[in-house]
Amino acid sequence: METAMNQALATYRSTQVTSASPETLVLMLYRGALKDVRSALLALESGRVQEVSNGLTRAQDIIIELRTSLNPQAGDMSEKLAALYEYVHDRLVIANIRKEAPPAQEALDILEGLTEAWMQMMHSGATP
């Protein structure tokens, strides 16, 4: 029964991704990164080192995906986001290597701001 539920959930998520607009996909990536960093921070408090590493590594992968999906033709905004993504990625790597909360928290704070700004942009109807 659980396997059938997992397969149904995977199919649902796959459909969400393949039918989502580019703006929605970026929002999904931001939310995934937030979830992973928060999960890692909670695991860090409990001393669950492998879960810390898993969460931060997933968040790093998401940031890499966000960075590589930037449109260089977008000019200044693309360059600024690339630099910010690079900084967030670096903070996540440091948090993962040292198993320290402050760099992960800093990355989380930046991601929360980016997510909020992205949602405001989507709700205003502006295009990135």
C-alpha atoms as a PDB file:
ATOM      1  CA  MET A   1       0.000   0.000   0.000  1.00  0.00           C
ATOM      2  CA  GLU A   2       2.792   2.424   0.937  1.00  0.00           C
ATOM      3  CA  THR A   3       4.645   1.760  -2.317  1.00  0.00           C
ATOM      4  CA  ALA A   4       1.536   2.570  -4.349  1.00  0.00           C
ATOM      5  CA  MET A   5       1.122   5.813  -2.381  1.00  0.00           C
ATOM      6  CA  ASN A   6       4.775   6.719  -2.982  1.00  0.00           C
ATOM      7  CA  GLN A   7       4.399   6.036  -6.711  1.00  0.00           C
ATOM      8  CA  ALA A   8       1.244   8.147  -6.872  1.00  0.00           C
ATOM      9  CA  LEU A   9       2.989  10.988  -5.049  1.00  0.00           C
ATOM     10  CA  ALA A  10       5.990  10.779  -7.373  1.00  0.00           C
ATOM     11  CA  THR A  11       3.690  10.900 -10.414  1.00  0.00           C
ATOM     12  CA  TYR A  12       1.837  13.893  -8.970  1.00  0.00           C
ATOM     13  CA  ARG A  13       5.083  15.771  -8.302  1.00  0.00           C
ATOM     14  CA  SER A  14       6.390  14.954 -11.763  1.00  0.00           C
ATOM     15  CA  THR A  15       3.204  16.325 -13.318  1.00  0.00           C
ATOM     16  CA  GLN A  16       3.489  19.479 -11.213  1.00  0.00           C
ATOM     17  CA  VAL A  17       7.024  20.095 -12.428  1.00  0.00           C
ATOM     18  CA  THR A  18       6.395  19.355 -16.096  1.00  0.00           C
ATOM     19  CA  SER A  19       3.294  21.544 -16.246  1.00  0.00           C
ATOM     20  CA  ALA A  20       4.596  24.469 -14.165  1.00  0.00           C
ATOM     21  CA  SER A  21       5.559  27.843 -15.579  1.00  0.00           C
ATOM     22  CA  PRO A  22       9.234  28.855 -15.346  1.00  0.00           C
ATOM     23  CA  GLU A  23       8.320  31.309 -12.570  1.00  0.00           C
ATOM     24  CA  THR A  24       6.578  28.560 -10.595  1.00  0.00           C
ATOM     25  CA  LEU A  25       9.536  26.229 -11.082  1.00  0.00           C
ATOM     26  CA  VAL A  26      11.871  28.825  -9.557  1.00  0.00           C
ATOM     27  CA  LEU A  27       9.493  29.201  -6.617  1.00  0.00           C
ATOM     28  CA  MET A  28       9.438  25.414  -6.181  1.00  0.00           C
ATOM     29  CA  LEU A  29      13.239  25.380  -6.141  1.00  0.00           C
ATOM     30  CA  TYR A  30      13.383  28.176  -3.560  1.00  0.00           C
ATOM     31  CA  ARG A  31      10.884  26.343  -1.360  1.00  0.00           C
ATOM     32  CA  GLY A  32      12.835  23.105  -1.697  1.00  0.00           C
ATOM     33  CA  ALA A  33      16.066  24.816  -0.680  1.00  0.00           C
ATOM     34  CA  LEU A  34      14.342  26.424   2.301  1.00  0.00           C
ATOM     35  CA  LYS A  35      12.952  23.072   3.412  1.00  0.00           C
ATOM     36  CA  ASP A  36      16.343  21.390   3.093  1.00  0.00           C
ATOM     37  CA  VAL A  37      18.258  24.083   5.006  1.00  0.00           C
ATOM     38  CA  ARG A  38      15.640  24.160   7.775  1.00  0.00           C
ATOM     39  CA  SER A  39      15.777  20.376   8.009  1.00  0.00           C
ATOM     40  CA  ALA A  40      19.575  20.491   8.215  1.00  0.00           C
ATOM     41  CA  LEU A  41      19.476  23.101  10.969  1.00  0.00           C
ATOM     42  CA  LEU A  42      17.069  20.969  13.016  1.00  0.00           C
ATOM     43  CA  ALA A  43      19.265  17.903  12.473  1.00  0.00           C
ATOM     44  CA  LEU A  44      22.302  19.906  13.560  1.00  0.00           C
ATOM     45  CA  GLU A  45      20.603  20.761  16.857  1.00  0.00           C
ATOM     46  CA  SER A  46      20.027  17.042  17.447  1.00  0.00           C
ATOM     47  CA  GLY A  47      23.492  15.940  16.380  1.00  0.00           C
ATOM     48  CA  ARG A  48      22.224  13.942  13.381  1.00  0.00           C
ATOM     49  CA  VAL A  49      25.306  14.575  11.241  1.00  0.00           C
ATOM     50  CA  GLN A  50      24.264  12.511   8.206  1.00  0.00           C
ATOM     51  CA  GLU A  51      20.912  14.323   7.991  1.00  0.00           C
ATOM     52  CA  VAL A  52      22.743  17.655   8.214  1.00  0.00           C
ATOM     53  CA  SER A  53      24.960  16.661   5.323  1.00  0.00           C
ATOM     54  CA  ASN A  54      22.045  15.340   3.259  1.00  0.00           C
ATOM     55  CA  GLY A  55      19.940  18.477   3.712  1.00  0.00           C
ATOM     56  CA  LEU A  56      22.755  20.917   3.017  1.00  0.00           C
ATOM     57  CA  THR A  57      23.916  18.929  -0.011  1.00  0.00           C
ATOM     58  CA  ARG A  58      20.394  18.944  -1.488  1.00  0.00           C
ATOM     59  CA  ALA A  59      20.178  22.702  -0.884  1.00  0.00           C
ATOM     60  CA  GLN A  60      23.579  23.175  -2.570  1.00  0.00           C
ATOM     61  CA  ASP A  61      22.330  21.207  -5.591  1.00  0.00           C
ATOM     62  CA  ILE A  62      19.246  23.421  -5.811  1.00  0.00           C
ATOM     63  CA  ILE A  63      21.348  26.585  -5.679  1.00  0.00           C
ATOM     64  CA  ILE A  64      23.553  25.223  -8.475  1.00  0.00           C
ATOM     65  CA  GLU A  65      20.432  24.543 -10.532  1.00  0.00           C
ATOM     66  CA  LEU A  66      19.143  28.067  -9.920  1.00  0.00           C
ATOM     67  CA  ARG A  67      22.499  29.542 -10.906  1.00  0.00           C
ATOM     68  CA  THR A  68      22.862  27.515 -14.098  1.00  0.00           C
ATOM     69  CA  SER A  69      19.310  28.349 -15.173  1.00  0.00           C
ATOM     70  CA  LEU A  70      19.940  32.101 -15.142  1.00  0.00           C
ATOM     71  CA  ASN A  71      19.610  33.856 -18.474  1.00  0.00           C
ATOM     72  CA  PRO A  72      22.853  35.763 -19.129  1.00  0.00           C
ATOM     73  CA  GLN A  73      20.937  37.933 -21.612  1.00  0.00           C
ATOM     74  CA  ALA A  74      19.010  39.377 -18.650  1.00  0.00           C
ATOM     75  CA  GLY A  75      22.026  41.548 -17.872  1.00  0.00           C
ATOM     76  CA  ASP A  76      22.586  43.166 -14.509  1.00  0.00           C
ATOM     77  CA  MET A  77      19.844  41.268 -12.653  1.00  0.00           C
ATOM     78  CA  SER A  78      21.226  37.928 -13.824  1.00  0.00           C
ATOM     79  CA  GLU A  79      24.745  38.887 -12.741  1.00  0.00           C
ATOM     80  CA  LYS A  80      23.561  40.003  -9.298  1.00  0.00           C
ATOM     81  CA  LEU A  81      21.552  36.829  -8.774  1.00  0.00           C
ATOM     82  CA  ALA A  82      24.528  34.725  -9.906  1.00  0.00           C
ATOM     83  CA  ALA A  83      26.738  36.413  -7.321  1.00  0.00           C
ATOM     84  CA  LEU A  84      24.112  35.965  -4.613  1.00  0.00           C
ATOM     85  CA  TYR A  85      23.616  32.297  -5.488  1.00  0.00           C
ATOM     86  CA  GLU A  86      27.371  31.785  -5.392  1.00  0.00           C
ATOM     87  CA  TYR A  87      27.536  33.367  -1.938  1.00  0.00           C
ATOM     88  CA  VAL A  88      24.633  31.247  -0.642  1.00  0.00           C
ATOM     89  CA  HIS A  89      26.264  28.133  -2.056  1.00  0.00           C
ATOM     90  CA  ASP A  90      29.551  28.998  -0.354  1.00  0.00           C
ATOM     91  CA  ARG A  91      27.788  29.499   2.992  1.00  0.00           C
ATOM     92  CA  LEU A  92      26.075  26.114   2.634  1.00  0.00           C
ATOM     93  CA  VAL A  93      29.372  24.397   1.821  1.00  0.00           C
ATOM     94  CA  ILE A  94      31.035  25.979   4.857  1.00  0.00           C
ATOM     95  CA  ALA A  95      28.104  24.984   7.082  1.00  0.00           C
ATOM     96  CA  ASN A  96      28.328  21.441   5.777  1.00  0.00           C
ATOM     97  CA  ILE A  97      32.095  21.101   6.202  1.00  0.00           C
ATOM     98  CA  ARG A  98      32.180  22.624   9.681  1.00  0.00           C
ATOM     99  CA  LYS A  99      28.732  21.393  10.771  1.00  0.00           C
ATOM    100  CA  GLU A 100      27.992  24.905  12.041  1.00  0.00           C
ATOM    101  CA  ALA A 101      24.633  26.655  12.157  1.00  0.00           C
ATOM    102  CA  PRO A 102      25.583  30.331  11.547  1.00  0.00           C
ATOM    103  CA  PRO A 103      26.540  29.983   7.853  1.00  0.00           C
ATOM    104  CA  ALA A 104      23.482  27.806   7.202  1.00  0.00           C
ATOM    105  CA  GLN A 105      21.278  30.334   8.983  1.00  0.00           C
ATOM    106  CA  GLU A 106      22.757  33.133   6.880  1.00  0.00           C
ATOM    107  CA  ALA A 107      21.982  31.161   3.709  1.00  0.00           C
ATOM    108  CA  LEU A 108      18.463  30.511   5.005  1.00  0.00           C
ATOM    109  CA  ASP A 109      17.895  34.220   5.677  1.00  0.00           C
ATOM    110  CA  ILE A 110      18.975  35.124   2.142  1.00  0.00           C
ATOM    111  CA  LEU A 111      16.814  32.383   0.630  1.00  0.00           C
ATOM    112  CA  GLU A 112      13.809  33.588   2.629  1.00  0.00           C
ATOM    113  CA  GLY A 113      14.305  37.098   1.231  1.00  0.00           C
ATOM    114  CA  LEU A 114      14.688  35.794  -2.315  1.00  0.00           C
ATOM    115  CA  THR A 115      11.572  33.645  -1.962  1.00  0.00           C
ATOM    116  CA  GLU A 116       9.514  36.560  -0.640  1.00  0.00           C
ATOM    117  CA  ALA A 117      10.716  38.854  -3.432  1.00  0.00           C
ATOM    118  CA  TRP A 118      10.010  36.178  -6.047  1.00  0.00           C
ATOM    119  CA  MET A 119       6.463  35.635  -4.744  1.00  0.00           C
ATOM    120  CA  GLN A 120       5.812  39.390  -4.787  1.00  0.00           C
ATOM    121  CA  MET A 121       7.068  39.546  -8.367  1.00  0.00           C
ATOM    122  CA  MET A 122       4.782  36.656  -9.351  1.00  0.00           C
ATOM    123  CA  HIS A 123       1.741  38.189  -7.654  1.00  0.00           C
ATOM    124  CA  SER A 124       2.351  41.573  -9.249  1.00  0.00           C
ATOM    125  CA  GLY A 125       2.382  40.000 -12.700  1.00  0.00           C
ATOM    126  CA  ALA A 126       5.892  41.273 -13.436  1.00  0.00           C
ATOM    127  CA  THR A 127       8.203  39.076 -15.450  1.00  0.00           C
ATOM    128  CA  PRO A 128      11.699  38.290 -14.253  1.00  0.00           C
END
